[in-house]
Protein backbone atom coordinates (compact mmCIF):
# COMPACT_ATOMS: atom_id res chain seq x y z
CA UNK A 1 0.00 0.00 0.00
CA UNK A 2 2.71 2.48 0.96
CA UNK A 3 4.78 1.66 -2.12
CA UNK A 4 1.73 2.23 -4.32
CA UNK A 5 1.01 5.55 -2.61
CA UNK A 6 4.62 6.67 -3.00
CA UNK A 7 4.70 5.68 -6.69
CA UNK A 8 1.44 7.51 -7.41
CA UNK A 9 2.67 10.60 -5.55
CA UNK A 10 5.91 10.62 -7.55
CA UNK A 11 3.96 10.15 -10.79
CA UNK A 12 1.59 12.97 -9.88
CA UNK A 13 4.51 15.23 -9.00
CA UNK A 14 6.13 14.54 -12.35
CA UNK A 15 2.91 15.34 -14.22
CA UNK A 16 2.36 18.55 -12.25
CA UNK A 17 5.94 19.68 -12.82
CA UNK A 18 5.53 19.11 -16.56
CA UNK A 19 2.17 20.91 -16.77
CA UNK A 20 2.69 23.83 -14.36
CA UNK A 21 5.72 25.42 -15.94
CA UNK A 22 6.76 28.95 -14.92
CA UNK A 23 5.70 31.69 -17.31
CA UNK A 24 9.00 33.58 -17.17
CA UNK A 25 11.40 30.83 -16.06
CA UNK A 26 13.22 28.06 -17.84
CA UNK A 27 10.65 26.38 -20.08
CA UNK A 28 8.96 29.60 -21.19
CA UNK A 29 5.52 28.45 -20.08
CA UNK A 30 5.35 25.59 -22.57
CA UNK A 31 3.79 22.33 -21.39
CA UNK A 32 6.29 19.48 -21.66
CA UNK A 33 5.49 16.36 -23.68
CA UNK A 34 5.83 12.75 -22.51
CA UNK A 35 9.04 12.52 -24.55
CA UNK A 36 10.57 15.13 -22.23
CA UNK A 37 9.71 13.00 -19.18
CA UNK A 38 11.16 9.88 -20.82
CA UNK A 39 14.35 11.74 -21.79
CA UNK A 40 14.68 13.13 -18.25
CA UNK A 41 14.58 9.65 -16.70
CA UNK A 42 16.82 8.14 -19.38
CA UNK A 43 19.40 10.85 -18.71
CA UNK A 44 19.05 10.68 -14.91
CA UNK A 45 18.82 6.96 -14.14
CA UNK A 46 19.48 5.44 -17.55
CA UNK A 47 16.04 3.90 -18.03
CA UNK A 48 12.43 4.96 -18.55
CA UNK A 49 9.36 2.73 -18.64
CA UNK A 50 7.50 5.21 -20.82
CA UNK A 51 4.00 6.65 -20.70
CA UNK A 52 2.13 3.37 -20.83
CA UNK A 53 4.69 1.53 -18.71
CA UNK A 54 4.28 3.80 -15.69
CA UNK A 55 0.55 3.10 -15.65
CA UNK A 56 1.18 -0.62 -15.98
CA UNK A 57 3.57 -0.36 -13.04
CA UNK A 58 0.92 1.50 -11.02
CA UNK A 59 -1.65 -1.18 -11.82
CA UNK A 60 0.79 -3.91 -10.82
CA UNK A 61 1.58 -2.17 -7.52
CA UNK A 62 -2.12 -1.66 -6.76
CA UNK A 63 -2.98 -5.29 -7.52
CA UNK A 64 0.00 -6.46 -5.46
CA UNK A 65 -1.12 -4.32 -2.52
CA UNK A 66 -4.60 -5.85 -2.74
CA UNK A 67 -3.22 -9.37 -2.96
CA UNK A 68 -0.83 -9.02 -0.01
CA UNK A 69 -3.54 -7.31 2.04
CA UNK A 70 -5.76 -10.33 1.43
CA UNK A 71 -2.92 -12.68 2.40
CA UNK A 72 -2.37 -10.78 5.65
CA UNK A 73 -6.10 -10.78 6.42
CA UNK A 74 -6.31 -14.53 5.85
CA UNK A 75 -3.23 -15.19 8.00
CA UNK A 76 -4.48 -12.99 10.82
CA UNK A 77 -8.01 -14.39 10.66
CA UNK A 78 -8.83 -18.06 10.25
CA UNK A 79 -5.27 -19.39 9.84
CA UNK A 80 -3.71 -17.80 12.92
CA UNK A 81 -6.15 -17.78 15.82
CA UNK A 82 -3.65 -17.08 18.60
CA UNK A 83 -2.29 -13.70 19.69
CA UNK A 84 0.21 -11.57 17.82
CA UNK A 85 3.02 -12.05 20.39
CA UNK A 86 2.91 -15.77 19.65
CA UNK A 87 3.06 -15.05 15.92
CA UNK A 88 6.23 -13.02 16.31
CA UNK A 89 7.72 -15.69 18.57
CA UNK A 90 7.19 -18.20 15.77
CA UNK A 91 8.37 -15.81 13.07
CA UNK A 92 11.52 -14.63 14.80
PDB file of N, CA and C in Angstrom:
ATOM      1  N   UNK A   1       0.829  -1.196   0.000  1.00  0.00           N
ATOM      2  CA  UNK A   1       0.000   0.000   0.000  1.00  0.00           C
ATOM      3  C   UNK A   1       0.870   1.254   0.000  1.00  0.00           C
ATOM      4  N   UNK A   2       1.876   1.282   0.864  1.00  0.00           N
ATOM      5  CA  UNK A   2       2.711   2.476   0.962  1.00  0.00           C
ATOM      6  C   UNK A   2       3.566   2.660  -0.288  1.00  0.00           C
ATOM      7  N   UNK A   3       4.007   1.566  -0.874  1.00  0.00           N
ATOM      8  CA  UNK A   3       4.780   1.662  -2.116  1.00  0.00           C
ATOM      9  C   UNK A   3       3.912   2.207  -3.238  1.00  0.00           C
ATOM     10  N   UNK A   4       2.663   1.742  -3.304  1.00  0.00           N
ATOM     11  CA  UNK A   4       1.729   2.232  -4.318  1.00  0.00           C
ATOM     12  C   UNK A   4       1.480   3.717  -4.130  1.00  0.00           C
ATOM     13  N   UNK A   5       1.259   4.136  -2.894  1.00  0.00           N
ATOM     14  CA  UNK A   5       1.014   5.548  -2.606  1.00  0.00           C
ATOM     15  C   UNK A   5       2.220   6.400  -2.981  1.00  0.00           C
ATOM     16  N   UNK A   6       3.410   5.934  -2.647  1.00  0.00           N
ATOM     17  CA  UNK A   6       4.621   6.672  -3.001  1.00  0.00           C
ATOM     18  C   UNK A   6       4.776   6.771  -4.515  1.00  0.00           C
ATOM     19  N   UNK A   7       4.556   5.671  -5.224  1.00  0.00           N
ATOM     20  CA  UNK A   7       4.698   5.677  -6.686  1.00  0.00           C
ATOM     21  C   UNK A   7       3.688   6.625  -7.328  1.00  0.00           C
ATOM     22  N   UNK A   8       2.447   6.611  -6.849  1.00  0.00           N
ATOM     23  CA  UNK A   8       1.436   7.507  -7.409  1.00  0.00           C
ATOM     24  C   UNK A   8       1.750   8.965  -7.086  1.00  0.00           C
ATOM     25  N   UNK A   9       2.287   9.230  -5.901  1.00  0.00           N
ATOM     26  CA  UNK A   9       2.665  10.597  -5.550  1.00  0.00           C
ATOM     27  C   UNK A   9       3.808  11.088  -6.437  1.00  0.00           C
ATOM     28  N   UNK A  10       4.798  10.238  -6.676  1.00  0.00           N
ATOM     29  CA  UNK A  10       5.908  10.619  -7.555  1.00  0.00           C
ATOM     30  C   UNK A  10       5.421  10.848  -8.984  1.00  0.00           C
ATOM     31  N   UNK A  11       4.517   9.996  -9.439  1.00  0.00           N
ATOM     32  CA  UNK A  11       3.965  10.146 -10.788  1.00  0.00           C
ATOM     33  C   UNK A  11       3.179  11.450 -10.893  1.00  0.00           C
ATOM     34  N   UNK A  12       2.357  11.728  -9.879  1.00  0.00           N
ATOM     35  CA  UNK A  12       1.591  12.975  -9.876  1.00  0.00           C
ATOM     36  C   UNK A  12       2.490  14.196  -9.837  1.00  0.00           C
ATOM     37  N   UNK A  13       3.563  14.126  -9.053  1.00  0.00           N
ATOM     38  CA  UNK A  13       4.507  15.234  -8.997  1.00  0.00           C
ATOM     39  C   UNK A  13       5.188  15.475 -10.333  1.00  0.00           C
ATOM     40  N   UNK A  14       5.505  14.405 -11.030  1.00  0.00           N
ATOM     41  CA  UNK A  14       6.126  14.542 -12.351  1.00  0.00           C
ATOM     42  C   UNK A  14       5.162  15.192 -13.338  1.00  0.00           C
ATOM     43  N   UNK A  15       3.908  14.763 -13.318  1.00  0.00           N
ATOM     44  CA  UNK A  15       2.911  15.339 -14.222  1.00  0.00           C
ATOM     45  C   UNK A  15       2.697  16.816 -13.911  1.00  0.00           C
ATOM     46  N   UNK A  16       2.562  17.152 -12.620  1.00  0.00           N
ATOM     47  CA  UNK A  16       2.360  18.554 -12.255  1.00  0.00           C
ATOM     48  C   UNK A  16       3.564  19.412 -12.619  1.00  0.00           C
ATOM     49  N   UNK A  17       4.764  18.889 -12.464  1.00  0.00           N
ATOM     50  CA  UNK A  17       5.941  19.678 -12.824  1.00  0.00           C
ATOM     51  C   UNK A  17       6.032  19.884 -14.330  1.00  0.00           C
ATOM     52  N   UNK A  18       5.498  18.962 -15.097  1.00  0.00           N
ATOM     53  CA  UNK A  18       5.525  19.114 -16.559  1.00  0.00           C
ATOM     54  C   UNK A  18       4.436  20.067 -17.039  1.00  0.00           C
ATOM     55  N   UNK A  19       3.305  20.093 -16.331  1.00  0.00           N
ATOM     56  CA  UNK A  19       2.171  20.910 -16.774  1.00  0.00           C
ATOM     57  C   UNK A  19       2.265  22.334 -16.238  1.00  0.00           C
ATOM     58  N   UNK A  20       2.637  22.505 -14.980  1.00  0.00           N
ATOM     59  CA  UNK A  20       2.685  23.831 -14.357  1.00  0.00           C
ATOM     60  C   UNK A  20       4.071  24.441 -14.503  1.00  0.00           C
ATOM     61  N   UNK A  21       4.399  24.825 -15.706  1.00  0.00           N
ATOM     62  CA  UNK A  21       5.716  25.425 -15.943  1.00  0.00           C
ATOM     63  C   UNK A  21       5.657  26.918 -15.634  1.00  0.00           C
ATOM     64  N   UNK A  22       6.765  27.508 -15.208  1.00  0.00           N
ATOM     65  CA  UNK A  22       6.763  28.950 -14.924  1.00  0.00           C
ATOM     66  C   UNK A  22       6.637  29.755 -16.217  1.00  0.00           C
ATOM     67  N   UNK A  23       5.933  30.865 -16.125  1.00  0.00           N
ATOM     68  CA  UNK A  23       5.703  31.695 -17.315  1.00  0.00           C
ATOM     69  C   UNK A  23       6.977  32.411 -17.762  1.00  0.00           C
ATOM     70  N   UNK A  24       7.810  32.809 -16.796  1.00  0.00           N
ATOM     71  CA  UNK A  24       8.996  33.575 -17.167  1.00  0.00           C
ATOM     72  C   UNK A  24      10.304  32.850 -16.838  1.00  0.00           C
ATOM     73  N   UNK A  25      10.202  31.582 -16.447  1.00  0.00           N
ATOM     74  CA  UNK A  25      11.398  30.830 -16.060  1.00  0.00           C
ATOM     75  C   UNK A  25      11.949  30.021 -17.212  1.00  0.00           C
ATOM     76  N   UNK A  26      12.609  28.940 -16.831  1.00  0.00           N
ATOM     77  CA  UNK A  26      13.219  28.061 -17.838  1.00  0.00           C
ATOM     78  C   UNK A  26      12.088  27.371 -18.583  1.00  0.00           C
ATOM     79  N   UNK A  27      11.770  27.067 -19.482  1.00  0.00           N
ATOM     80  CA  UNK A  27      10.654  26.379 -20.084  1.00  0.00           C
ATOM     81  C   UNK A  27       9.733  27.314 -20.822  1.00  0.00           C
ATOM     82  N   UNK A  28       9.756  28.613 -20.481  1.00  0.00           N
ATOM     83  CA  UNK A  28       8.963  29.599 -21.186  1.00  0.00           C
ATOM     84  C   UNK A  28       7.471  29.373 -21.151  1.00  0.00           C
ATOM     85  N   UNK A  29       6.947  28.660 -20.198  1.00  0.00           N
ATOM     86  CA  UNK A  29       5.515  28.446 -20.077  1.00  0.00           C
ATOM     87  C   UNK A  29       4.969  27.366 -20.985  1.00  0.00           C
ATOM     88  N   UNK A  30       5.825  26.651 -21.684  1.00  0.00           N
ATOM     89  CA  UNK A  30       5.349  25.588 -22.566  1.00  0.00           C
ATOM     90  C   UNK A  30       5.161  24.296 -21.777  1.00  0.00           C
ATOM     91  N   UNK A  31       4.059  23.607 -22.051  1.00  0.00           N
ATOM     92  CA  UNK A  31       3.794  22.326 -21.395  1.00  0.00           C
ATOM     93  C   UNK A  31       4.698  21.273 -22.023  1.00  0.00           C
ATOM     94  N   UNK A  32       5.366  20.507 -21.171  1.00  0.00           N
ATOM     95  CA  UNK A  32       6.292  19.478 -21.657  1.00  0.00           C
ATOM     96  C   UNK A  32       5.525  18.264 -22.177  1.00  0.00           C
ATOM     97  N   UNK A  33       6.102  17.568 -23.112  1.00  0.00           N
ATOM     98  CA  UNK A  33       5.487  16.365 -23.682  1.00  0.00           C
ATOM     99  C   UNK A  33       5.994  15.126 -22.944  1.00  0.00           C
ATOM    100  N   UNK A  34       5.336  13.984 -23.139  1.00  0.00           N
ATOM    101  CA  UNK A  34       5.830  12.746 -22.511  1.00  0.00           C
ATOM    102  C   UNK A  34       7.259  12.390 -22.927  1.00  0.00           C
ATOM    103  N   UNK A  35       7.673  12.795 -24.117  1.00  0.00           N
ATOM    104  CA  UNK A  35       9.039  12.515 -24.548  1.00  0.00           C
ATOM    105  C   UNK A  35      10.051  13.223 -23.647  1.00  0.00           C
ATOM    106  N   UNK A  36       9.686  14.409 -23.146  1.00  0.00           N
ATOM    107  CA  UNK A  36      10.569  15.129 -22.230  1.00  0.00           C
ATOM    108  C   UNK A  36      10.750  14.338 -20.936  1.00  0.00           C
ATOM    109  N   UNK A  37       9.641  13.801 -20.410  1.00  0.00           N
ATOM    110  CA  UNK A  37       9.715  13.005 -19.178  1.00  0.00           C
ATOM    111  C   UNK A  37      10.580  11.766 -19.400  1.00  0.00           C
ATOM    112  N   UNK A  38      10.369  11.081 -20.527  1.00  0.00           N
ATOM    113  CA  UNK A  38      11.160   9.885 -20.819  1.00  0.00           C
ATOM    114  C   UNK A  38      12.643  10.230 -20.933  1.00  0.00           C
ATOM    115  N   UNK A  39      12.953  11.333 -21.625  1.00  0.00           N
ATOM    116  CA  UNK A  39      14.349  11.740 -21.790  1.00  0.00           C
ATOM    117  C   UNK A  39      14.964  12.114 -20.445  1.00  0.00           C
ATOM    118  N   UNK A  40      14.174  12.757 -19.578  1.00  0.00           N
ATOM    119  CA  UNK A  40      14.683  13.125 -18.252  1.00  0.00           C
ATOM    120  C   UNK A  40      15.103  11.883 -17.475  1.00  0.00           C
ATOM    121  N   UNK A  41      14.252  10.858 -17.456  1.00  0.00           N
ATOM    122  CA  UNK A  41      14.584   9.652 -16.704  1.00  0.00           C
ATOM    123  C   UNK A  41      15.697   8.853 -17.373  1.00  0.00           C
ATOM    124  N   UNK A  42      15.730   8.837 -18.697  1.00  0.00           N
ATOM    125  CA  UNK A  42      16.824   8.141 -19.381  1.00  0.00           C
ATOM    126  C   UNK A  42      18.161   8.810 -19.077  1.00  0.00           C
ATOM    127  N   UNK A  43      18.163  10.130 -19.017  1.00  0.00           N
ATOM    128  CA  UNK A  43      19.404  10.850 -18.710  1.00  0.00           C
ATOM    129  C   UNK A  43      19.783  10.726 -17.238  1.00  0.00           C
ATOM    130  N   UNK A  44      18.779  10.681 -16.353  1.00  0.00           N
ATOM    131  CA  UNK A  44      19.049  10.679 -14.914  1.00  0.00           C
ATOM    132  C   UNK A  44      19.418   9.300 -14.402  1.00  0.00           C
ATOM    133  N   UNK A  45      18.568   8.296 -14.688  1.00  0.00           N
ATOM    134  CA  UNK A  45      18.823   6.958 -14.143  1.00  0.00           C
ATOM    135  C   UNK A  45      19.141   5.926 -15.218  1.00  0.00           C
ATOM    136  N   UNK A  46      19.093   6.350 -16.472  1.00  0.00           N
ATOM    137  CA  UNK A  46      19.478   5.443 -17.548  1.00  0.00           C
ATOM    138  C   UNK A  46      18.367   4.566 -18.078  1.00  0.00           C
ATOM    139  N   UNK A  47      17.142   4.739 -17.572  1.00  0.00           N
ATOM    140  CA  UNK A  47      16.040   3.898 -18.034  1.00  0.00           C
ATOM    141  C   UNK A  47      14.722   4.623 -17.815  1.00  0.00           C
ATOM    142  N   UNK A  48      13.767   4.400 -18.697  1.00  0.00           N
ATOM    143  CA  UNK A  48      12.426   4.957 -18.548  1.00  0.00           C
ATOM    144  C   UNK A  48      11.420   3.928 -19.032  1.00  0.00           C
ATOM    145  N   UNK A  49      10.368   3.715 -18.258  1.00  0.00           N
ATOM    146  CA  UNK A  49       9.358   2.729 -18.642  1.00  0.00           C
ATOM    147  C   UNK A  49       8.385   3.295 -19.654  1.00  0.00           C
ATOM    148  N   UNK A  50       8.364   4.606 -19.831  1.00  0.00           N
ATOM    149  CA  UNK A  50       7.498   5.215 -20.817  1.00  0.00           C
ATOM    150  C   UNK A  50       6.131   5.571 -20.255  1.00  0.00           C
ATOM    151  N   UNK A  51       5.315   6.162 -21.116  1.00  0.00           N
ATOM    152  CA  UNK A  51       4.004   6.650 -20.699  1.00  0.00           C
ATOM    153  C   UNK A  51       3.075   5.514 -20.322  1.00  0.00           C
ATOM    154  N   UNK A  52       3.002   4.499 -21.133  1.00  0.00           N
ATOM    155  CA  UNK A  52       2.126   3.367 -20.830  1.00  0.00           C
ATOM    156  C   UNK A  52       2.720   2.499 -19.726  1.00  0.00           C
ATOM    157  N   UNK A  53       4.027   2.375 -19.700  1.00  0.00           N
ATOM    158  CA  UNK A  53       4.685   1.529 -18.712  1.00  0.00           C
ATOM    159  C   UNK A  53       4.480   1.988 -17.281  1.00  0.00           C
ATOM    160  N   UNK A  54       4.459   3.306 -17.051  1.00  0.00           N
ATOM    161  CA  UNK A  54       4.276   3.801 -15.687  1.00  0.00           C
ATOM    162  C   UNK A  54       2.877   3.472 -15.184  1.00  0.00           C
ATOM    163  N   UNK A  55       1.905   3.460 -16.073  1.00  0.00           N
ATOM    164  CA  UNK A  55       0.547   3.102 -15.654  1.00  0.00           C
ATOM    165  C   UNK A  55       0.422   1.597 -15.445  1.00  0.00           C
ATOM    166  N   UNK A  56       1.143   0.825 -16.232  1.00  0.00           N
ATOM    167  CA  UNK A  56       1.175  -0.623 -15.981  1.00  0.00           C
ATOM    168  C   UNK A  56       1.840  -0.919 -14.642  1.00  0.00           C
ATOM    169  N   UNK A  57       2.905  -0.201 -14.330  1.00  0.00           N
ATOM    170  CA  UNK A  57       3.571  -0.362 -13.038  1.00  0.00           C
ATOM    171  C   UNK A  57       2.635   0.010 -11.894  1.00  0.00           C
ATOM    172  N   UNK A  58       1.893   1.099 -12.045  1.00  0.00           N
ATOM    173  CA  UNK A  58       0.921   1.495 -11.025  1.00  0.00           C
ATOM    174  C   UNK A  58      -0.155   0.453 -10.832  1.00  0.00           C
ATOM    175  N   UNK A  59      -0.646  -0.123 -11.919  1.00  0.00           N
ATOM    176  CA  UNK A  59      -1.652  -1.183 -11.819  1.00  0.00           C
ATOM    177  C   UNK A  59      -1.072  -2.401 -11.117  1.00  0.00           C
ATOM    178  N   UNK A  60       0.149  -2.779 -11.469  1.00  0.00           N
ATOM    179  CA  UNK A  60       0.794  -3.914 -10.817  1.00  0.00           C
ATOM    180  C   UNK A  60       0.959  -3.674  -9.320  1.00  0.00           C
ATOM    181  N   UNK A  61       1.404  -2.477  -8.941  1.00  0.00           N
ATOM    182  CA  UNK A  61       1.576  -2.170  -7.522  1.00  0.00           C
ATOM    183  C   UNK A  61       0.247  -2.190  -6.782  1.00  0.00           C
ATOM    184  N   UNK A  62      -0.809  -1.666  -7.411  1.00  0.00           N
ATOM    185  CA  UNK A  62      -2.121  -1.663  -6.765  1.00  0.00           C
ATOM    186  C   UNK A  62      -2.656  -3.080  -6.601  1.00  0.00           C
ATOM    187  N   UNK A  63      -2.519  -3.908  -7.627  1.00  0.00           N
ATOM    188  CA  UNK A  63      -2.980  -5.294  -7.518  1.00  0.00           C
ATOM    189  C   UNK A  63      -2.146  -6.074  -6.504  1.00  0.00           C
ATOM    190  N   UNK A  64      -0.851  -5.805  -6.452  1.00  0.00           N
ATOM    191  CA  UNK A  64       0.002  -6.461  -5.462  1.00  0.00           C
ATOM    192  C   UNK A  64      -0.392  -6.060  -4.046  1.00  0.00           C
ATOM    193  N   UNK A  65      -0.698  -4.778  -3.853  1.00  0.00           N
ATOM    194  CA  UNK A  65      -1.121  -4.321  -2.524  1.00  0.00           C
ATOM    195  C   UNK A  65      -2.411  -5.013  -2.111  1.00  0.00           C
ATOM    196  N   UNK A  66      -3.350  -5.142  -3.047  1.00  0.00           N
ATOM    197  CA  UNK A  66      -4.598  -5.846  -2.740  1.00  0.00           C
ATOM    198  C   UNK A  66      -4.368  -7.307  -2.421  1.00  0.00           C
ATOM    199  N   UNK A  67      -3.502  -7.951  -3.188  1.00  0.00           N
ATOM    200  CA  UNK A  67      -3.217  -9.369  -2.959  1.00  0.00           C
ATOM    201  C   UNK A  67      -2.576  -9.592  -1.598  1.00  0.00           C
ATOM    202  N   UNK A  68      -1.535  -8.820  -1.286  1.00  0.00           N
ATOM    203  CA  UNK A  68      -0.835  -9.016  -0.011  1.00  0.00           C
ATOM    204  C   UNK A  68      -1.690  -8.602   1.172  1.00  0.00           C
ATOM    205  N   UNK A  69      -2.591  -7.642   0.975  1.00  0.00           N
ATOM    206  CA  UNK A  69      -3.538  -7.312   2.042  1.00  0.00           C
ATOM    207  C   UNK A  69      -4.444  -8.498   2.317  1.00  0.00           C
ATOM    208  N   UNK A  70      -4.911  -9.145   1.258  1.00  0.00           N
ATOM    209  CA  UNK A  70      -5.760 -10.328   1.434  1.00  0.00           C
ATOM    210  C   UNK A  70      -4.994 -11.452   2.119  1.00  0.00           C
ATOM    211  N   UNK A  71      -3.742 -11.645   1.748  1.00  0.00           N
ATOM    212  CA  UNK A  71      -2.923 -12.680   2.397  1.00  0.00           C
ATOM    213  C   UNK A  71      -2.786 -12.388   3.888  1.00  0.00           C
ATOM    214  N   UNK A  72      -2.511 -11.141   4.236  1.00  0.00           N
ATOM    215  CA  UNK A  72      -2.368 -10.783   5.653  1.00  0.00           C
ATOM    216  C   UNK A  72      -3.683 -10.945   6.405  1.00  0.00           C
ATOM    217  N   UNK A  73      -4.801 -10.613   5.776  1.00  0.00           N
ATOM    218  CA  UNK A  73      -6.104 -10.780   6.422  1.00  0.00           C
ATOM    219  C   UNK A  73      -6.387 -12.253   6.658  1.00  0.00           C
ATOM    220  N   UNK A  74      -6.064 -13.085   5.687  1.00  0.00           N
ATOM    221  CA  UNK A  74      -6.305 -14.527   5.849  1.00  0.00           C
ATOM    222  C   UNK A  74      -5.401 -15.098   6.941  1.00  0.00           C
ATOM    223  N   UNK A  75      -4.142 -14.690   6.963  1.00  0.00           N
ATOM    224  CA  UNK A  75      -3.230 -15.186   8.002  1.00  0.00           C
ATOM    225  C   UNK A  75      -3.703 -14.751   9.384  1.00  0.00           C
ATOM    226  N   UNK A  76      -4.108 -13.491   9.500  1.00  0.00           N
ATOM    227  CA  UNK A  76      -4.484 -12.986  10.819  1.00  0.00           C
ATOM    228  C   UNK A  76      -5.893 -13.385  11.220  1.00  0.00           C
ATOM    229  N   UNK A  77      -6.654 -13.969  10.318  1.00  0.00           N
ATOM    230  CA  UNK A  77      -8.010 -14.389  10.655  1.00  0.00           C
ATOM    231  C   UNK A  77      -8.097 -15.867  10.935  1.00  0.00           C
ATOM    232  N   UNK A  78      -8.574 -16.647   9.981  1.00  0.00           N
ATOM    233  CA  UNK A  78      -8.829 -18.064  10.250  1.00  0.00           C
ATOM    234  C   UNK A  78      -7.574 -18.929  10.374  1.00  0.00           C
ATOM    235  N   UNK A  79      -6.456 -18.539   9.780  1.00  0.00           N
ATOM    236  CA  UNK A  79      -5.270 -19.389   9.835  1.00  0.00           C
ATOM    237  C   UNK A  79      -4.483 -19.226  11.129  1.00  0.00           C
ATOM    238  N   UNK A  80      -4.453 -18.035  11.680  1.00  0.00           N
ATOM    239  CA  UNK A  80      -3.713 -17.798  12.924  1.00  0.00           C
ATOM    240  C   UNK A  80      -4.692 -17.267  13.951  1.00  0.00           C
ATOM    241  N   UNK A  81      -5.120 -18.143  14.849  1.00  0.00           N
ATOM    242  CA  UNK A  81      -6.153 -17.779  15.821  1.00  0.00           C
ATOM    243  C   UNK A  81      -5.575 -17.361  17.163  1.00  0.00           C
ATOM    244  N   UNK A  82      -4.276 -17.487  17.344  1.00  0.00           N
ATOM    245  CA  UNK A  82      -3.648 -17.081  18.603  1.00  0.00           C
ATOM    246  C   UNK A  82      -3.257 -15.606  18.551  1.00  0.00           C
ATOM    247  N   UNK A  83      -2.645 -15.115  19.607  1.00  0.00           N
ATOM    248  CA  UNK A  83      -2.286 -13.704  19.689  1.00  0.00           C
ATOM    249  C   UNK A  83      -1.078 -13.348  18.846  1.00  0.00           C
ATOM    250  N   UNK A  84      -0.905 -12.051  18.625  1.00  0.00           N
ATOM    251  CA  UNK A  84       0.208 -11.575  17.821  1.00  0.00           C
ATOM    252  C   UNK A  84       1.565 -11.829  18.463  1.00  0.00           C
ATOM    253  N   UNK A  85       1.704 -11.731  19.817  1.00  0.00           N
ATOM    254  CA  UNK A  85       3.024 -12.046  20.392  1.00  0.00           C
ATOM    255  C   UNK A  85       3.479 -13.471  20.065  1.00  0.00           C
ATOM    256  N   UNK A  86       2.545 -14.399  20.013  1.00  0.00           N
ATOM    257  CA  UNK A  86       2.914 -15.773  19.652  1.00  0.00           C
ATOM    258  C   UNK A  86       3.321 -15.862  18.187  1.00  0.00           C
ATOM    259  N   UNK A  87       2.692 -15.079  17.332  1.00  0.00           N
ATOM    260  CA  UNK A  87       3.063 -15.046  15.919  1.00  0.00           C
ATOM    261  C   UNK A  87       4.509 -14.600  15.767  1.00  0.00           C
ATOM    262  N   UNK A  88       4.874 -13.533  16.452  1.00  0.00           N
ATOM    263  CA  UNK A  88       6.227 -13.019  16.310  1.00  0.00           C
ATOM    264  C   UNK A  88       7.237 -13.948  16.960  1.00  0.00           C
ATOM    265  N   UNK A  89       6.826 -14.689  17.983  1.00  0.00           N
ATOM    266  CA  UNK A  89       7.722 -15.691  18.567  1.00  0.00           C
ATOM    267  C   UNK A  89       8.020 -16.784  17.549  1.00  0.00           C
ATOM    268  N   UNK A  90       6.994 -17.188  16.809  1.00  0.00           N
ATOM    269  CA  UNK A  90       7.188 -18.201  15.768  1.00  0.00           C
ATOM    270  C   UNK A  90       8.022 -17.635  14.623  1.00  0.00           C
ATOM    271  N   UNK A  91       7.725 -16.409  14.224  1.00  0.00           N
ATOM    272  CA  UNK A  91       8.368 -15.809  13.069  1.00  0.00           C
ATOM    273  C   UNK A  91       9.838 -15.529  13.332  1.00  0.00           C
ATOM    274  N   UNK A  92      10.137 -14.994  14.504  1.00  0.00           N
ATOM    275  CA  UNK A  92      11.519 -14.627  14.804  1.00  0.00           C
ATOM    276  C   UNK A  92      12.236 -15.815  15.391  1.00  0.00           C
TER     277      UNK A  92
END
